Amino acid sequence: MPTTSPIASKGEVIALDTCVARSVDPDRVEAARGRLVSHQEANRLGDLFKLLADPHRLRMLYALAEAGELCVCDLSAVVGVAESNVSHSLRLLRTSGVVRARRSGRMVYYSLDDAHVRLLLDVSREHLRHEVP
């Protein structure tokens, strides 16, 4: 529980991530609430991040980002994952709207669904480069 005194008494430890002096700014709280994602949207975003949390799926997405489009066989060869696993992952990614499929005869080619997916990948990778060691 946050302390109300900005000065810790002898031997008291105050966590750095707590409010030293509890003072709620109602205008800022209301403004933040007005821009907050809904519970439903937060659940959908959480599901998307869970989907992207798999390293093999991420490597597949980066491969698609670089190649433009690939079939299951090619994607399997690029990322070094069994075709059945690639196919299963692609089905999950397609159902979630992250990748799309294009049929050409008996072949199906996969690509990123839109530029937003590429942007999400690029921004995430750039964020990792700025992490504190």
N, C-alpha and C. Protein backbone atom coordinates (compact mmCIF):
# COMPACT_ATOMS: atom_id res chain seq x y z
N MET A 1 0.85 -1.17 0.00
CA MET A 1 0.00 0.00 0.00
C MET A 1 0.89 1.24 0.00
N PRO A 2 0.57 2.24 -0.82
CA PRO A 2 1.41 3.43 -0.89
C PRO A 2 1.42 4.18 0.43
N THR A 3 2.54 4.77 0.74
CA THR A 3 2.66 5.57 1.95
C THR A 3 2.25 7.01 1.64
N THR A 4 1.80 7.73 2.64
CA THR A 4 1.39 9.12 2.42
C THR A 4 2.51 10.09 2.72
N SER A 5 3.57 9.62 3.30
CA SER A 5 4.69 10.48 3.64
C SER A 5 5.79 10.35 2.60
N PRO A 6 6.29 11.48 2.07
CA PRO A 6 7.37 11.40 1.09
C PRO A 6 8.69 10.99 1.71
N ILE A 7 8.78 10.98 3.05
CA ILE A 7 10.01 10.62 3.72
C ILE A 7 9.79 9.30 4.44
N ALA A 8 10.62 8.33 4.12
CA ALA A 8 10.50 7.02 4.75
C ALA A 8 11.07 7.08 6.16
N SER A 9 10.38 6.43 7.08
CA SER A 9 10.92 6.37 8.44
C SER A 9 12.07 5.38 8.45
N LYS A 10 12.88 5.46 9.47
CA LYS A 10 14.08 4.63 9.57
C LYS A 10 13.72 3.14 9.44
N GLY A 11 14.38 2.47 8.52
CA GLY A 11 14.17 1.05 8.32
C GLY A 11 13.03 0.72 7.37
N GLU A 12 12.22 1.70 7.01
CA GLU A 12 11.08 1.46 6.10
C GLU A 12 11.59 1.46 4.66
N VAL A 13 11.10 0.53 3.89
CA VAL A 13 11.48 0.44 2.49
C VAL A 13 10.27 0.84 1.65
N ILE A 14 10.48 1.78 0.74
CA ILE A 14 9.41 2.21 -0.16
C ILE A 14 9.75 1.69 -1.55
N ALA A 15 8.83 0.96 -2.14
CA ALA A 15 9.03 0.44 -3.49
C ALA A 15 9.09 1.60 -4.47
N LEU A 16 9.93 1.46 -5.49
CA LEU A 16 10.09 2.52 -6.48
C LEU A 16 8.87 2.67 -7.39
N ASP A 17 8.05 1.63 -7.48
CA ASP A 17 6.92 1.68 -8.40
C ASP A 17 5.60 1.99 -7.70
N THR A 18 5.66 2.62 -6.55
CA THR A 18 4.45 3.02 -5.84
C THR A 18 4.42 4.53 -5.70
N CYS A 19 3.24 5.06 -5.42
CA CYS A 19 3.10 6.50 -5.20
C CYS A 19 3.57 6.81 -3.79
N VAL A 20 4.47 7.76 -3.69
CA VAL A 20 4.95 8.17 -2.37
C VAL A 20 3.89 9.04 -1.72
N ALA A 21 3.37 9.97 -2.46
CA ALA A 21 2.28 10.83 -1.98
C ALA A 21 1.06 10.53 -2.83
N ARG A 22 0.06 9.89 -2.25
CA ARG A 22 -1.12 9.47 -3.02
C ARG A 22 -1.98 10.68 -3.32
N SER A 23 -2.09 10.98 -4.61
CA SER A 23 -2.89 12.11 -5.07
C SER A 23 -3.39 11.77 -6.46
N VAL A 24 -4.68 11.56 -6.58
CA VAL A 24 -5.28 11.20 -7.86
C VAL A 24 -5.71 12.46 -8.59
N ASP A 25 -5.33 12.55 -9.86
CA ASP A 25 -5.72 13.68 -10.70
C ASP A 25 -6.94 13.22 -11.50
N PRO A 26 -8.14 13.64 -11.11
CA PRO A 26 -9.37 13.15 -11.75
C PRO A 26 -9.43 13.42 -13.24
N ASP A 27 -8.91 14.56 -13.69
CA ASP A 27 -8.95 14.88 -15.12
C ASP A 27 -8.08 13.92 -15.93
N ARG A 28 -6.88 13.64 -15.42
CA ARG A 28 -5.98 12.71 -16.12
C ARG A 28 -6.54 11.30 -16.11
N VAL A 29 -7.11 10.89 -14.98
CA VAL A 29 -7.70 9.56 -14.88
C VAL A 29 -8.84 9.42 -15.88
N GLU A 30 -9.72 10.41 -15.93
CA GLU A 30 -10.86 10.36 -16.86
C GLU A 30 -10.40 10.37 -18.31
N ALA A 31 -9.39 11.18 -18.63
CA ALA A 31 -8.87 11.22 -20.00
C ALA A 31 -8.28 9.88 -20.40
N ALA A 32 -7.54 9.25 -19.47
CA ALA A 32 -6.95 7.94 -19.76
C ALA A 32 -8.04 6.89 -19.93
N ARG A 33 -9.06 6.92 -19.07
CA ARG A 33 -10.17 5.97 -19.19
C ARG A 33 -10.88 6.12 -20.52
N GLY A 34 -10.98 7.35 -21.00
CA GLY A 34 -11.65 7.60 -22.28
C GLY A 34 -10.91 7.00 -23.47
N ARG A 35 -9.61 6.80 -23.33
CA ARG A 35 -8.81 6.23 -24.42
C ARG A 35 -8.45 4.77 -24.19
N LEU A 36 -8.86 4.23 -23.08
CA LEU A 36 -8.54 2.85 -22.73
C LEU A 36 -9.26 1.87 -23.65
N VAL A 37 -8.58 0.78 -24.00
CA VAL A 37 -9.22 -0.24 -24.84
C VAL A 37 -10.30 -0.95 -24.02
N SER A 38 -11.33 -1.40 -24.70
CA SER A 38 -12.41 -2.12 -24.02
C SER A 38 -11.91 -3.49 -23.58
N HIS A 39 -12.66 -4.13 -22.70
CA HIS A 39 -12.30 -5.48 -22.25
C HIS A 39 -12.27 -6.44 -23.45
N GLN A 40 -13.24 -6.30 -24.33
CA GLN A 40 -13.32 -7.18 -25.50
C GLN A 40 -12.10 -6.98 -26.41
N GLU A 41 -11.74 -5.73 -26.66
CA GLU A 41 -10.58 -5.46 -27.50
C GLU A 41 -9.29 -5.92 -26.83
N ALA A 42 -9.19 -5.75 -25.52
CA ALA A 42 -8.01 -6.22 -24.79
C ALA A 42 -7.89 -7.74 -24.88
N ASN A 43 -9.02 -8.44 -24.81
CA ASN A 43 -8.99 -9.90 -24.96
C ASN A 43 -8.53 -10.29 -26.35
N ARG A 44 -9.02 -9.60 -27.37
CA ARG A 44 -8.61 -9.92 -28.75
C ARG A 44 -7.13 -9.62 -28.96
N LEU A 45 -6.65 -8.50 -28.41
CA LEU A 45 -5.22 -8.19 -28.51
C LEU A 45 -4.38 -9.22 -27.78
N GLY A 46 -4.85 -9.63 -26.61
CA GLY A 46 -4.14 -10.67 -25.86
C GLY A 46 -4.05 -11.96 -26.65
N ASP A 47 -5.15 -12.34 -27.31
CA ASP A 47 -5.14 -13.54 -28.14
C ASP A 47 -4.15 -13.40 -29.30
N LEU A 48 -4.10 -12.22 -29.90
CA LEU A 48 -3.16 -11.99 -31.00
C LEU A 48 -1.72 -12.12 -30.50
N PHE A 49 -1.43 -11.52 -29.36
CA PHE A 49 -0.06 -11.60 -28.82
C PHE A 49 0.29 -13.03 -28.43
N LYS A 50 -0.68 -13.79 -27.92
CA LYS A 50 -0.43 -15.20 -27.62
C LYS A 50 -0.09 -15.95 -28.90
N LEU A 51 -0.81 -15.65 -29.97
CA LEU A 51 -0.56 -16.30 -31.25
C LEU A 51 0.85 -15.97 -31.75
N LEU A 52 1.26 -14.74 -31.56
CA LEU A 52 2.57 -14.30 -32.04
C LEU A 52 3.70 -14.67 -31.07
N ALA A 53 3.36 -15.24 -29.92
CA ALA A 53 4.37 -15.57 -28.91
C ALA A 53 5.17 -16.81 -29.28
N ASP A 54 4.76 -17.56 -30.27
CA ASP A 54 5.47 -18.77 -30.67
C ASP A 54 6.64 -18.40 -31.59
N PRO A 55 7.87 -18.77 -31.23
CA PRO A 55 9.04 -18.41 -32.04
C PRO A 55 8.98 -18.94 -33.48
N HIS A 56 8.44 -20.14 -33.67
CA HIS A 56 8.35 -20.68 -35.04
C HIS A 56 7.38 -19.86 -35.88
N ARG A 57 6.25 -19.48 -35.30
CA ARG A 57 5.28 -18.66 -36.04
C ARG A 57 5.88 -17.30 -36.37
N LEU A 58 6.62 -16.72 -35.42
CA LEU A 58 7.26 -15.43 -35.68
C LEU A 58 8.27 -15.53 -36.82
N ARG A 59 9.07 -16.58 -36.80
CA ARG A 59 10.05 -16.76 -37.89
C ARG A 59 9.33 -16.94 -39.22
N MET A 60 8.21 -17.64 -39.21
CA MET A 60 7.42 -17.81 -40.43
C MET A 60 6.93 -16.46 -40.94
N LEU A 61 6.44 -15.63 -40.03
CA LEU A 61 5.95 -14.31 -40.43
C LEU A 61 7.06 -13.44 -40.99
N TYR A 62 8.24 -13.49 -40.36
CA TYR A 62 9.36 -12.72 -40.89
C TYR A 62 9.79 -13.24 -42.26
N ALA A 63 9.73 -14.55 -42.45
CA ALA A 63 10.05 -15.13 -43.76
C ALA A 63 9.05 -14.64 -44.81
N LEU A 64 7.78 -14.62 -44.46
CA LEU A 64 6.76 -14.12 -45.39
C LEU A 64 6.94 -12.63 -45.64
N ALA A 65 7.34 -11.90 -44.63
CA ALA A 65 7.57 -10.46 -44.80
C ALA A 65 8.70 -10.21 -45.80
N GLU A 66 9.72 -11.04 -45.76
CA GLU A 66 10.85 -10.87 -46.67
C GLU A 66 10.61 -11.43 -48.06
N ALA A 67 9.93 -12.57 -48.12
CA ALA A 67 9.74 -13.23 -49.42
C ALA A 67 8.50 -12.74 -50.15
N GLY A 68 7.56 -12.17 -49.45
CA GLY A 68 6.32 -11.76 -50.10
C GLY A 68 5.26 -12.83 -49.96
N GLU A 69 5.51 -13.99 -50.55
CA GLU A 69 4.62 -15.12 -50.37
C GLU A 69 5.40 -16.41 -50.58
N LEU A 70 4.96 -17.43 -49.84
CA LEU A 70 5.61 -18.74 -49.90
C LEU A 70 4.55 -19.83 -49.73
N CYS A 71 4.82 -20.98 -50.32
CA CYS A 71 3.95 -22.14 -50.08
C CYS A 71 4.45 -22.85 -48.82
N VAL A 72 3.68 -23.82 -48.35
CA VAL A 72 4.03 -24.54 -47.13
C VAL A 72 5.40 -25.20 -47.25
N CYS A 73 5.67 -25.81 -48.40
CA CYS A 73 6.96 -26.50 -48.59
C CYS A 73 8.13 -25.53 -48.47
N ASP A 74 8.02 -24.40 -49.14
CA ASP A 74 9.09 -23.41 -49.10
C ASP A 74 9.25 -22.82 -47.70
N LEU A 75 8.15 -22.52 -47.07
CA LEU A 75 8.19 -21.94 -45.74
C LEU A 75 8.80 -22.93 -44.74
N SER A 76 8.47 -24.20 -44.89
CA SER A 76 9.05 -25.25 -44.05
C SER A 76 10.56 -25.30 -44.22
N ALA A 77 11.02 -25.20 -45.45
CA ALA A 77 12.46 -25.24 -45.73
C ALA A 77 13.17 -24.01 -45.17
N VAL A 78 12.52 -22.86 -45.26
CA VAL A 78 13.13 -21.62 -44.77
C VAL A 78 13.31 -21.64 -43.25
N VAL A 79 12.27 -22.02 -42.53
CA VAL A 79 12.33 -21.93 -41.06
C VAL A 79 12.78 -23.22 -40.39
N GLY A 80 12.90 -24.31 -41.16
CA GLY A 80 13.38 -25.57 -40.60
C GLY A 80 12.38 -26.24 -39.67
N VAL A 81 11.11 -26.17 -40.02
CA VAL A 81 10.05 -26.77 -39.22
C VAL A 81 9.28 -27.73 -40.13
N ALA A 82 8.80 -28.83 -39.58
CA ALA A 82 8.05 -29.82 -40.36
C ALA A 82 6.85 -29.19 -41.06
N GLU A 83 6.57 -29.66 -42.27
CA GLU A 83 5.46 -29.11 -43.06
C GLU A 83 4.13 -29.18 -42.31
N SER A 84 3.90 -30.26 -41.56
CA SER A 84 2.64 -30.37 -40.82
C SER A 84 2.53 -29.28 -39.76
N ASN A 85 3.63 -28.95 -39.11
CA ASN A 85 3.62 -27.86 -38.11
C ASN A 85 3.42 -26.51 -38.78
N VAL A 86 4.06 -26.31 -39.92
CA VAL A 86 3.90 -25.07 -40.67
C VAL A 86 2.45 -24.92 -41.11
N SER A 87 1.89 -25.99 -41.63
CA SER A 87 0.50 -25.96 -42.09
C SER A 87 -0.45 -25.62 -40.95
N HIS A 88 -0.25 -26.24 -39.80
CA HIS A 88 -1.10 -25.96 -38.63
C HIS A 88 -0.96 -24.50 -38.21
N SER A 89 0.26 -24.02 -38.15
CA SER A 89 0.50 -22.63 -37.75
C SER A 89 -0.14 -21.66 -38.74
N LEU A 90 -0.01 -21.96 -40.02
CA LEU A 90 -0.61 -21.10 -41.04
C LEU A 90 -2.13 -21.05 -40.91
N ARG A 91 -2.73 -22.17 -40.56
CA ARG A 91 -4.18 -22.21 -40.37
C ARG A 91 -4.58 -21.28 -39.22
N LEU A 92 -3.83 -21.33 -38.12
CA LEU A 92 -4.11 -20.44 -36.99
C LEU A 92 -3.92 -18.97 -37.38
N LEU A 93 -2.83 -18.69 -38.08
CA LEU A 93 -2.53 -17.32 -38.48
C LEU A 93 -3.55 -16.80 -39.49
N ARG A 94 -4.01 -17.67 -40.39
CA ARG A 94 -5.01 -17.26 -41.39
C ARG A 94 -6.35 -16.99 -40.71
N THR A 95 -6.74 -17.87 -39.80
CA THR A 95 -8.01 -17.70 -39.09
C THR A 95 -8.02 -16.40 -38.29
N SER A 96 -6.88 -15.99 -37.80
CA SER A 96 -6.77 -14.77 -37.01
C SER A 96 -6.57 -13.52 -37.86
N GLY A 97 -6.47 -13.68 -39.17
CA GLY A 97 -6.32 -12.54 -40.05
C GLY A 97 -4.92 -11.99 -40.14
N VAL A 98 -3.92 -12.78 -39.76
CA VAL A 98 -2.53 -12.33 -39.80
C VAL A 98 -1.91 -12.64 -41.16
N VAL A 99 -2.27 -13.78 -41.75
CA VAL A 99 -1.81 -14.12 -43.10
C VAL A 99 -3.03 -14.40 -43.98
N ARG A 100 -2.80 -14.37 -45.28
CA ARG A 100 -3.86 -14.73 -46.23
C ARG A 100 -3.31 -15.77 -47.19
N ALA A 101 -4.21 -16.47 -47.82
CA ALA A 101 -3.84 -17.55 -48.74
C ALA A 101 -4.31 -17.20 -50.15
N ARG A 102 -3.48 -17.60 -51.13
CA ARG A 102 -3.83 -17.43 -52.54
C ARG A 102 -3.62 -18.77 -53.22
N ARG A 103 -4.68 -19.28 -53.84
CA ARG A 103 -4.59 -20.57 -54.53
C ARG A 103 -4.20 -20.35 -55.98
N SER A 104 -3.26 -21.17 -56.45
CA SER A 104 -2.85 -21.18 -57.85
C SER A 104 -2.80 -22.64 -58.28
N GLY A 105 -3.87 -23.10 -58.90
CA GLY A 105 -3.97 -24.52 -59.24
C GLY A 105 -4.08 -25.33 -57.96
N ARG A 106 -3.16 -26.28 -57.79
CA ARG A 106 -3.16 -27.10 -56.58
C ARG A 106 -2.30 -26.51 -55.48
N MET A 107 -1.59 -25.45 -55.77
CA MET A 107 -0.69 -24.82 -54.79
C MET A 107 -1.40 -23.69 -54.05
N VAL A 108 -1.05 -23.54 -52.79
CA VAL A 108 -1.55 -22.43 -51.98
C VAL A 108 -0.34 -21.64 -51.50
N TYR A 109 -0.39 -20.34 -51.74
CA TYR A 109 0.69 -19.46 -51.34
C TYR A 109 0.20 -18.54 -50.23
N TYR A 110 1.06 -18.34 -49.24
CA TYR A 110 0.70 -17.53 -48.09
C TYR A 110 1.51 -16.25 -48.08
N SER A 111 0.89 -15.19 -47.58
CA SER A 111 1.55 -13.90 -47.44
C SER A 111 0.96 -13.20 -46.21
N LEU A 112 1.64 -12.15 -45.77
CA LEU A 112 1.09 -11.36 -44.67
C LEU A 112 -0.22 -10.74 -45.14
N ASP A 113 -1.17 -10.64 -44.24
CA ASP A 113 -2.49 -10.15 -44.63
C ASP A 113 -2.46 -8.70 -45.10
N ASP A 114 -1.72 -7.85 -44.42
CA ASP A 114 -1.64 -6.45 -44.84
C ASP A 114 -0.40 -5.78 -44.25
N ALA A 115 -0.25 -4.52 -44.57
CA ALA A 115 0.94 -3.77 -44.13
C ALA A 115 0.98 -3.61 -42.62
N HIS A 116 -0.17 -3.69 -41.94
CA HIS A 116 -0.17 -3.55 -40.49
C HIS A 116 0.58 -4.68 -39.81
N VAL A 117 0.50 -5.87 -40.37
CA VAL A 117 1.23 -7.01 -39.80
C VAL A 117 2.72 -6.76 -39.92
N ARG A 118 3.15 -6.30 -41.07
CA ARG A 118 4.57 -5.98 -41.29
C ARG A 118 5.01 -4.89 -40.32
N LEU A 119 4.18 -3.88 -40.15
CA LEU A 119 4.50 -2.79 -39.24
C LEU A 119 4.63 -3.30 -37.81
N LEU A 120 3.72 -4.16 -37.39
CA LEU A 120 3.78 -4.74 -36.04
C LEU A 120 5.09 -5.51 -35.84
N LEU A 121 5.48 -6.29 -36.83
CA LEU A 121 6.74 -7.05 -36.76
C LEU A 121 7.95 -6.12 -36.70
N ASP A 122 7.95 -5.12 -37.58
CA ASP A 122 9.09 -4.19 -37.64
C ASP A 122 9.22 -3.37 -36.35
N VAL A 123 8.11 -2.87 -35.84
CA VAL A 123 8.15 -2.06 -34.62
C VAL A 123 8.57 -2.92 -33.43
N SER A 124 8.08 -4.15 -33.36
CA SER A 124 8.46 -5.04 -32.27
C SER A 124 9.94 -5.36 -32.29
N ARG A 125 10.46 -5.62 -33.47
CA ARG A 125 11.88 -5.93 -33.61
C ARG A 125 12.73 -4.72 -33.25
N GLU A 126 12.29 -3.55 -33.68
CA GLU A 126 13.03 -2.33 -33.36
C GLU A 126 13.00 -2.07 -31.86
N HIS A 127 11.88 -2.37 -31.23
CA HIS A 127 11.78 -2.21 -29.77
C HIS A 127 12.82 -3.07 -29.05
N LEU A 128 13.00 -4.30 -29.53
CA LEU A 128 13.99 -5.18 -28.90
C LEU A 128 15.39 -4.61 -28.99
N ARG A 129 15.67 -3.91 -30.04
CA ARG A 129 17.00 -3.32 -30.22
C ARG A 129 17.27 -2.18 -29.24
N HIS A 130 16.21 -1.65 -28.63
CA HIS A 130 16.36 -0.54 -27.68
C HIS A 130 16.26 -0.99 -26.23
N GLU A 131 16.16 -2.27 -26.00
CA GLU A 131 16.06 -2.77 -24.63
C GLU A 131 17.32 -2.46 -23.85
N VAL A 132 17.13 -2.25 -22.58
CA VAL A 132 18.26 -2.05 -21.68
C VAL A 132 18.90 -3.40 -21.41
N PRO A 133 20.23 -3.51 -21.58
CA PRO A 133 20.89 -4.81 -21.37
C PRO A 133 20.78 -5.32 -19.96
